Structure formats: structure tokens, C-alpha cells
Amino acid sequence: MVVLLVLALVAVAGGEFAYSMRLEAAAVRAYKNGIIGNHLAEAALAQAVREIVSDAAYVVEEADGLLTFCTADRAPLPRLKREKVELTGGQFSYRITDEEARLNVNTSAPDRIDRLLQTLGLEKDERDTISDSLQDWRDPNDEHRVRGAESEDYYLKLPVPYRARNANLESITELLQIKGVTPAIYNGTKDTPGLAALVSVRSSGQVNINTASVQVLSALGLSTAEITQILQSRRNTPYNQVPGQFGARNMSVATKTFRIEAEAIVDERVVARLTAIVQKKLEGDPPTVPVLEWSGLQ
């Protein structure tokens, strides 16, 4: 009996030791993959910046949804590989999008915000709530509009209270804190884009006619016929100037601000992601690309 008891205790202790070793090995492996993943994501950012600093005057969005850089003669430049780029330790992928293709929520008039929300299929009550609340979030006073919200009457009464910024948004993620903006409206669905893909707080305020989406062009007040005309014209070659008929719509033909979304892949799993908004500055030689906003990596 004593021998059996000792053997049982040894078996339990051995099993516990083996389990602990497996947990420790898994933790070490996860930590290692995390470190490698951070470096891979940063490598993706560096390669994206390499494309941005190229001698390009225009950018266009191709039929595959990817951004292509073009010379002053409007000839497309070769793309670098952006999907599953092999590097020591794993792979990285990245996507570059034009920040100037988005509507700036800090500088856009309420009617443009309303038209943008309308393209997402929102009812008038929902649109009015978001539009009024966005204006209340940005204005310096504590008086709310008809369907809006301020700190004292709404935000401080929430289960997790907070105050309205009473200033311009510093990141589009702040939209999730504004009354009326749900995760579905912000992130979109399989068939409908969300605000995250359509708005910005870092753009110049002018919209790039060569890359703007149908939803953003509609928010600018363009008709269906005008939008069709733009899409067909820029499909062949990018605009080198804004046509006179669109001169009063606050549009441009070029951009200096880009959004880079990168991810790192180790052992066939995504282990790190980052999103950076960068701006190309031509004043220096060579050009510099400072980061305006960064999220994802610690």
C-alpha cells in the first residue's frame, strides 16, 4: 500500500511538472513570437514608407482596391510586394490607403456628415443624433443641441462615465465614444463600409478626386451622374487637375497623407498589427515621412 501510494504521488507530481513545463514553454514561445511580430510589423511599415517616398506625384486606387503611385507624367510605378513578404522569423503584409480620400470630420460641414451617414443607410433620427452629438463633442461649450449630448446630461451618466472632449477629435476611434455611433456604424458590415474607412481627422480637409470612394463623393454633394463620370475618367488615367465643374467641391488631385495598416505573421498566425498615419514632406532631401498617429504596437 505504501509503495502504491508513493508511486501515485510520484505520478501526480510528474504530471504536474510536465504540465507546468508545457505552460512555460508556451508562454516563452508566445513572448518570442510577439517580439518577432512587432519587428515584422515595423518592417512592413518601413517598406510602405519606402513606396510613399518614391518619386510619385499622384496616387490612384486600382480595380483590385490597392493604391498605385504614379509619376508626374501619370505613369504607374511598379508596386512592391505587399502580401506575405518573407523575412527572417515570419512574414508581413501591409495595405496603404489615401487619407485624403476620406472626409475630415473636424472640418466638414454638418450637411456633408449627414449625406455620408445617409450613404450608410441610416435613418434621419440616427443621422441627426450623430451629427448633433459630433458638433457637441467638438464645440467648447456644455450646451447640447436638440439630439446631441454633452458631459453633464449624457456622458457622465453612462455606466462608465467620461467627458466630451469639447475640441476637435484627435483620432477617429473617438467616434465610438460619441452618442449614436455604434460599433456596426463605425466598423461597417460585409456589404457596407463603416465610418472607420470613410473619415479622417488627419487629412488636409480636401478630398482627392483620384481616390475618393463613392460614399465620400456623394457626401460632397455630387450627383450619381457626376460620380460615374469621375470613376470612369480616373480609371484610365488620374486627374492632373480638378475639372472646373467640381472646382467648388473642395477637392484636390494629390495627397501627402497616407494610412498604413500592417500585420505580422508567424507560424501561419497573425501575431501583431499596427496602424500608422504618415505624411510625406518634400521640403527635405531626401523627403521625410513623419508619423502623425500610431496604434497597435506597445
Protein backbone atom coordinates (compact mmCIF):
# COMPACT_ATOMS: atom_id res chain seq x y z
CA MET A 1 0.00 0.00 0.00
CA VAL A 2 2.80 2.38 0.90
CA VAL A 3 4.59 1.63 -2.37
CA LEU A 4 1.40 2.21 -4.36
CA LEU A 5 0.78 5.48 -2.52
CA VAL A 6 4.32 6.66 -3.24
CA LEU A 7 4.00 5.71 -6.89
CA ALA A 8 0.70 7.61 -7.13
CA LEU A 9 2.25 10.71 -5.56
CA VAL A 10 5.21 10.50 -7.96
CA ALA A 11 2.85 10.17 -10.93
CA VAL A 12 0.82 13.21 -9.82
CA ALA A 13 3.97 15.25 -9.20
CA GLY A 14 5.41 14.20 -12.56
CA GLY A 15 2.20 15.09 -14.39
CA GLU A 16 2.04 18.49 -12.66
CA PHE A 17 5.68 19.15 -13.52
CA ALA A 18 5.16 18.23 -17.19
CA TYR A 19 2.05 20.43 -17.36
CA SER A 20 3.93 23.36 -15.84
CA MET A 21 6.78 22.90 -18.31
CA ARG A 22 4.34 22.92 -21.22
CA LEU A 23 2.74 26.12 -19.95
CA GLU A 24 6.12 27.74 -19.50
CA ALA A 25 7.26 26.67 -22.95
CA ALA A 26 4.05 28.03 -24.49
CA ALA A 27 4.50 31.33 -22.66
CA VAL A 28 8.10 31.64 -23.84
CA ARG A 29 7.07 30.80 -27.40
CA ALA A 30 4.25 33.37 -27.31
CA TYR A 31 6.62 36.02 -25.94
CA LYS A 32 9.19 35.22 -28.62
CA ASN A 33 6.57 35.34 -31.40
CA GLY A 34 5.29 38.62 -30.03
CA ILE A 35 8.75 40.20 -30.18
CA ILE A 36 9.32 38.86 -33.70
CA GLY A 37 5.85 40.01 -34.71
CA ASN A 38 6.47 43.57 -33.53
CA HIS A 39 9.66 43.75 -35.59
CA LEU A 40 7.92 42.26 -38.64
CA ALA A 41 5.09 44.79 -38.39
CA GLU A 42 7.61 47.61 -38.12
CA ALA A 43 9.41 46.19 -41.17
CA ALA A 44 6.10 46.33 -43.04
CA LEU A 45 5.73 49.97 -42.05
CA ALA A 46 9.27 50.70 -43.27
CA GLN A 47 8.59 49.08 -46.64
CA ALA A 48 5.33 51.01 -47.01
CA VAL A 49 7.21 54.24 -46.30
CA ARG A 50 9.70 53.21 -48.99
CA GLU A 51 6.85 53.25 -51.50
CA ILE A 52 5.47 56.55 -50.21
CA VAL A 53 8.79 58.41 -50.60
CA SER A 54 9.08 57.31 -54.22
CA ASP A 55 9.12 59.95 -56.96
CA ALA A 56 5.34 59.93 -57.28
CA ALA A 57 3.08 62.88 -57.92
CA TYR A 58 -0.28 61.09 -57.93
CA VAL A 59 -1.91 58.03 -56.42
CA VAL A 60 -4.80 56.02 -57.79
CA GLU A 61 -6.86 53.14 -56.47
CA GLU A 62 -6.82 50.24 -58.92
CA ALA A 63 -9.65 47.81 -59.62
CA ASP A 64 -8.18 45.42 -57.02
CA GLY A 65 -8.61 48.09 -54.35
CA LEU A 66 -4.87 48.66 -53.91
CA LEU A 67 -3.15 52.02 -54.13
CA THR A 68 -0.74 52.62 -57.01
CA PHE A 69 1.72 55.51 -57.15
CA CYS A 70 2.12 57.42 -60.40
CA THR A 71 4.78 59.76 -61.77
CA ALA A 72 4.22 63.38 -62.78
CA ASP A 73 3.51 62.01 -66.28
CA ARG A 74 0.77 59.88 -64.68
CA ALA A 75 2.60 56.64 -65.47
CA PRO A 76 2.13 53.94 -62.79
CA LEU A 77 5.16 52.92 -60.73
CA PRO A 78 5.77 49.22 -60.00
CA ARG A 79 4.36 48.10 -56.68
CA LEU A 80 6.47 46.36 -54.10
CA LYS A 81 5.12 43.07 -52.83
CA ARG A 82 2.61 43.78 -50.07
CA GLU A 83 1.21 40.35 -49.21
CA LYS A 84 3.07 37.78 -47.09
CA VAL A 85 6.53 39.20 -47.64
CA GLU A 86 9.09 36.71 -46.34
CA LEU A 87 11.51 37.90 -43.67
CA THR A 88 13.57 36.12 -41.05
CA GLY A 89 11.18 34.74 -38.46
CA GLY A 90 7.97 35.06 -40.45
CA GLN A 91 6.08 37.18 -42.95
CA PHE A 92 4.47 40.60 -43.09
CA SER A 93 1.65 42.17 -45.10
CA TYR A 94 0.55 45.77 -45.38
CA ARG A 95 -2.02 47.98 -47.04
CA ILE A 96 -1.59 51.64 -47.99
CA THR A 97 -4.65 53.85 -48.34
CA ASP A 98 -5.04 57.53 -49.10
CA GLU A 99 -6.03 59.53 -46.04
CA GLU A 100 -7.09 62.38 -48.33
CA ALA A 101 -9.69 60.06 -49.86
CA ARG A 102 -11.63 60.34 -46.60
CA LEU A 103 -13.92 63.04 -45.25
CA ASN A 104 -12.38 65.05 -42.41
CA VAL A 105 -14.93 65.07 -39.56
CA ASN A 106 -13.19 68.02 -37.89
CA THR A 107 -13.56 70.35 -40.86
CA SER A 108 -16.63 69.09 -42.74
CA ALA A 109 -19.94 70.93 -42.55
CA PRO A 110 -22.88 69.09 -40.91
CA ASP A 111 -24.65 68.64 -44.25
CA ARG A 112 -21.70 66.64 -45.59
CA ILE A 113 -21.67 64.45 -42.50
CA ASP A 114 -25.41 63.90 -42.94
CA ARG A 115 -25.02 62.88 -46.59
CA LEU A 116 -22.21 60.49 -45.67
CA LEU A 117 -24.35 58.84 -43.00
CA GLN A 118 -27.20 58.63 -45.49
CA THR A 119 -25.00 56.58 -47.86
CA LEU A 120 -24.57 54.09 -45.00
CA GLY A 121 -28.33 53.58 -44.88
CA LEU A 122 -29.02 55.37 -41.59
CA GLU A 123 -32.43 56.80 -40.84
CA LYS A 124 -32.89 60.53 -40.29
CA ASP A 125 -33.22 60.20 -36.50
CA GLU A 126 -29.94 58.30 -36.34
CA ARG A 127 -28.21 60.79 -38.62
CA ASP A 128 -29.46 63.78 -36.62
CA THR A 129 -28.31 62.21 -33.35
CA ILE A 130 -24.80 61.54 -34.67
CA SER A 131 -24.48 64.90 -36.41
CA ASP A 132 -25.65 66.93 -33.39
CA SER A 133 -23.58 64.85 -30.97
CA LEU A 134 -20.47 65.23 -33.12
CA GLN A 135 -20.86 69.00 -33.11
CA ASP A 136 -21.43 68.99 -29.34
CA TRP A 137 -18.33 66.83 -28.86
CA ARG A 138 -16.23 69.38 -30.76
CA ASP A 139 -17.65 72.69 -29.57
CA PRO A 140 -16.16 74.32 -26.43
CA ASN A 141 -19.45 74.82 -24.53
CA ASP A 142 -21.62 72.43 -22.48
CA GLU A 143 -24.95 73.20 -24.16
CA HIS A 144 -26.26 70.30 -26.20
CA ARG A 145 -28.19 70.51 -29.46
CA VAL A 146 -31.66 69.03 -29.94
CA ARG A 147 -30.44 65.47 -30.49
CA GLY A 148 -26.90 65.97 -29.25
CA ALA A 149 -25.16 65.23 -25.96
CA GLU A 150 -22.75 66.86 -23.54
CA SER A 151 -20.88 65.65 -20.48
CA GLU A 152 -23.35 66.57 -17.73
CA ASP A 153 -26.56 65.44 -19.40
CA TYR A 154 -25.33 62.23 -21.07
CA TYR A 155 -21.72 61.05 -20.97
CA LEU A 156 -21.21 61.37 -17.20
CA LYS A 157 -24.40 59.35 -16.62
CA LEU A 158 -23.17 56.33 -18.57
CA PRO A 159 -22.13 53.14 -16.68
CA VAL A 160 -18.52 54.07 -17.48
CA PRO A 161 -18.65 57.88 -17.37
CA TYR A 162 -16.37 60.22 -19.30
CA ARG A 163 -16.38 63.79 -20.54
CA ALA A 164 -16.86 65.14 -24.04
CA ARG A 165 -13.62 66.45 -25.48
CA ASN A 166 -15.03 69.91 -26.32
CA ALA A 167 -12.39 70.14 -29.05
CA ASN A 168 -11.60 68.53 -32.37
CA LEU A 169 -11.20 64.76 -32.45
CA GLU A 170 -7.61 63.54 -32.20
CA SER A 171 -8.36 60.09 -33.60
CA ILE A 172 -11.27 58.57 -35.50
CA THR A 173 -11.60 55.97 -32.72
CA GLU A 174 -13.14 58.76 -30.61
CA LEU A 175 -16.24 58.38 -32.75
CA LEU A 176 -17.08 55.26 -30.74
CA GLN A 177 -17.47 57.48 -27.67
CA ILE A 178 -19.92 59.83 -29.38
CA LYS A 179 -23.63 59.32 -28.83
CA GLY A 180 -25.29 57.43 -31.68
CA VAL A 181 -22.14 55.87 -33.16
CA THR A 182 -22.39 52.10 -32.70
CA PRO A 183 -19.63 49.55 -33.45
CA ALA A 184 -21.63 48.47 -36.52
CA ILE A 185 -21.78 52.04 -37.86
CA TYR A 186 -18.09 52.55 -37.09
CA ASN A 187 -16.73 49.23 -38.41
CA GLY A 188 -19.27 48.58 -41.14
CA THR A 189 -20.53 45.23 -42.36
CA LYS A 190 -19.61 42.80 -45.09
CA ASP A 191 -21.66 44.78 -47.62
CA THR A 192 -21.37 48.33 -46.27
CA PRO A 193 -18.21 50.22 -45.25
CA GLY A 194 -18.11 51.86 -41.85
CA LEU A 195 -17.07 55.32 -40.75
CA ALA A 196 -13.58 53.99 -39.97
CA ALA A 197 -12.96 53.53 -43.69
CA LEU A 198 -14.57 56.79 -44.79
CA VAL A 199 -13.49 59.54 -42.38
CA SER A 200 -10.30 61.08 -41.08
CA VAL A 201 -9.04 63.62 -38.57
CA ARG A 202 -5.56 63.89 -40.10
CA SER A 203 -6.27 64.88 -43.69
CA SER A 204 -5.89 68.41 -45.04
CA GLY A 205 -9.67 68.67 -45.44
CA GLN A 206 -9.56 68.46 -49.23
CA VAL A 207 -10.68 65.19 -50.83
CA ASN A 208 -8.55 63.53 -53.51
CA ILE A 209 -10.70 63.12 -56.62
CA ASN A 210 -8.44 60.26 -57.78
CA THR A 211 -9.04 58.02 -54.77
CA ALA A 212 -12.27 59.10 -53.05
CA SER A 213 -14.94 56.42 -52.67
CA VAL A 214 -18.48 56.66 -53.98
CA GLN A 215 -19.71 57.36 -50.44
CA VAL A 216 -17.30 60.26 -49.90
CA LEU A 217 -18.02 61.77 -53.34
CA SER A 218 -21.71 61.56 -52.55
CA ALA A 219 -21.09 63.31 -49.21
CA LEU A 220 -19.52 66.19 -51.15
CA GLY A 221 -22.87 66.69 -52.87
CA LEU A 222 -22.05 65.14 -56.25
CA SER A 223 -24.85 63.57 -58.25
CA THR A 224 -24.83 59.94 -59.40
CA ALA A 225 -24.01 61.07 -62.95
CA GLU A 226 -21.08 63.19 -61.74
CA ILE A 227 -19.72 60.33 -59.62
CA THR A 228 -19.97 57.94 -62.57
CA GLN A 229 -18.10 60.45 -64.72
CA ILE A 230 -15.28 60.70 -62.17
CA LEU A 231 -14.98 56.94 -61.73
CA GLN A 232 -14.83 56.33 -65.47
CA SER A 233 -12.33 59.12 -66.15
CA ARG A 234 -9.87 58.23 -63.42
CA ARG A 235 -9.98 54.54 -64.34
CA ASN A 236 -7.89 55.25 -67.44
CA THR A 237 -5.55 57.88 -66.02
CA PRO A 238 -5.54 60.01 -62.86
CA TYR A 239 -6.71 63.59 -62.95
CA ASN A 240 -3.85 66.09 -63.00
CA GLN A 241 -6.23 68.91 -62.09
CA VAL A 242 -9.74 69.16 -60.72
CA PRO A 243 -12.22 69.78 -63.57
CA GLY A 244 -13.84 73.20 -63.46
CA GLN A 245 -17.30 71.81 -62.79
CA PHE A 246 -16.01 70.40 -59.47
CA GLY A 247 -13.91 73.40 -58.54
CA ALA A 248 -16.13 74.46 -55.62
CA ARG A 249 -16.34 70.98 -54.05
CA ASN A 250 -13.12 71.23 -52.01
CA MET A 251 -11.26 68.55 -53.96
CA SER A 252 -7.63 68.07 -54.99
CA VAL A 253 -5.68 65.69 -57.24
CA ALA A 254 -2.78 64.70 -54.98
CA THR A 255 -2.08 63.67 -51.42
CA LYS A 256 0.70 63.70 -48.87
CA THR A 257 -1.07 61.82 -46.08
CA PHE A 258 -1.44 58.04 -46.02
CA ARG A 259 -2.74 55.33 -43.71
CA ILE A 260 -0.64 52.17 -43.37
CA GLU A 261 -2.20 49.02 -41.91
CA ALA A 262 0.37 46.29 -41.30
CA GLU A 263 0.30 42.82 -39.81
CA ALA A 264 2.93 40.25 -38.87
CA ILE A 265 2.53 36.52 -39.49
CA VAL A 266 4.46 33.89 -37.52
CA ASP A 267 3.71 30.16 -37.84
CA GLU A 268 0.74 30.98 -40.11
CA ARG A 269 -0.86 33.17 -37.42
CA VAL A 270 -1.21 36.94 -37.23
CA VAL A 271 0.68 37.88 -34.06
CA ALA A 272 0.88 41.68 -34.34
CA ARG A 273 -0.90 44.52 -36.08
CA LEU A 274 -0.28 48.23 -36.36
CA THR A 275 -1.94 51.20 -38.00
CA ALA A 276 0.03 54.36 -38.70
CA ILE A 277 -0.93 57.61 -40.39
CA VAL A 278 2.07 59.23 -42.02
CA GLN A 279 2.68 62.38 -44.01
CA LYS A 280 5.15 62.84 -46.84
CA LYS A 281 7.18 66.04 -46.53
CA LEU A 282 9.02 67.17 -49.64
CA GLU A 283 10.96 70.02 -48.05
CA GLY A 284 13.97 67.91 -47.11
CA ASP A 285 16.38 65.98 -49.27
CA PRO A 286 15.60 63.13 -49.12
CA PRO A 287 11.88 63.57 -48.29
CA THR A 288 10.84 62.65 -44.75
CA VAL A 289 7.75 60.75 -43.63
CA PRO A 290 6.85 61.62 -40.02
CA VAL A 291 4.24 59.53 -38.21
CA LEU A 292 1.16 61.55 -37.25
CA GLU A 293 -0.71 58.77 -35.48
CA TRP A 294 0.25 55.27 -34.36
CA SER A 295 -1.72 52.41 -32.81
CA GLY A 296 -1.38 48.68 -32.40
CA LEU A 297 2.12 48.10 -31.02
CA GLN A 298 3.21 48.88 -27.50
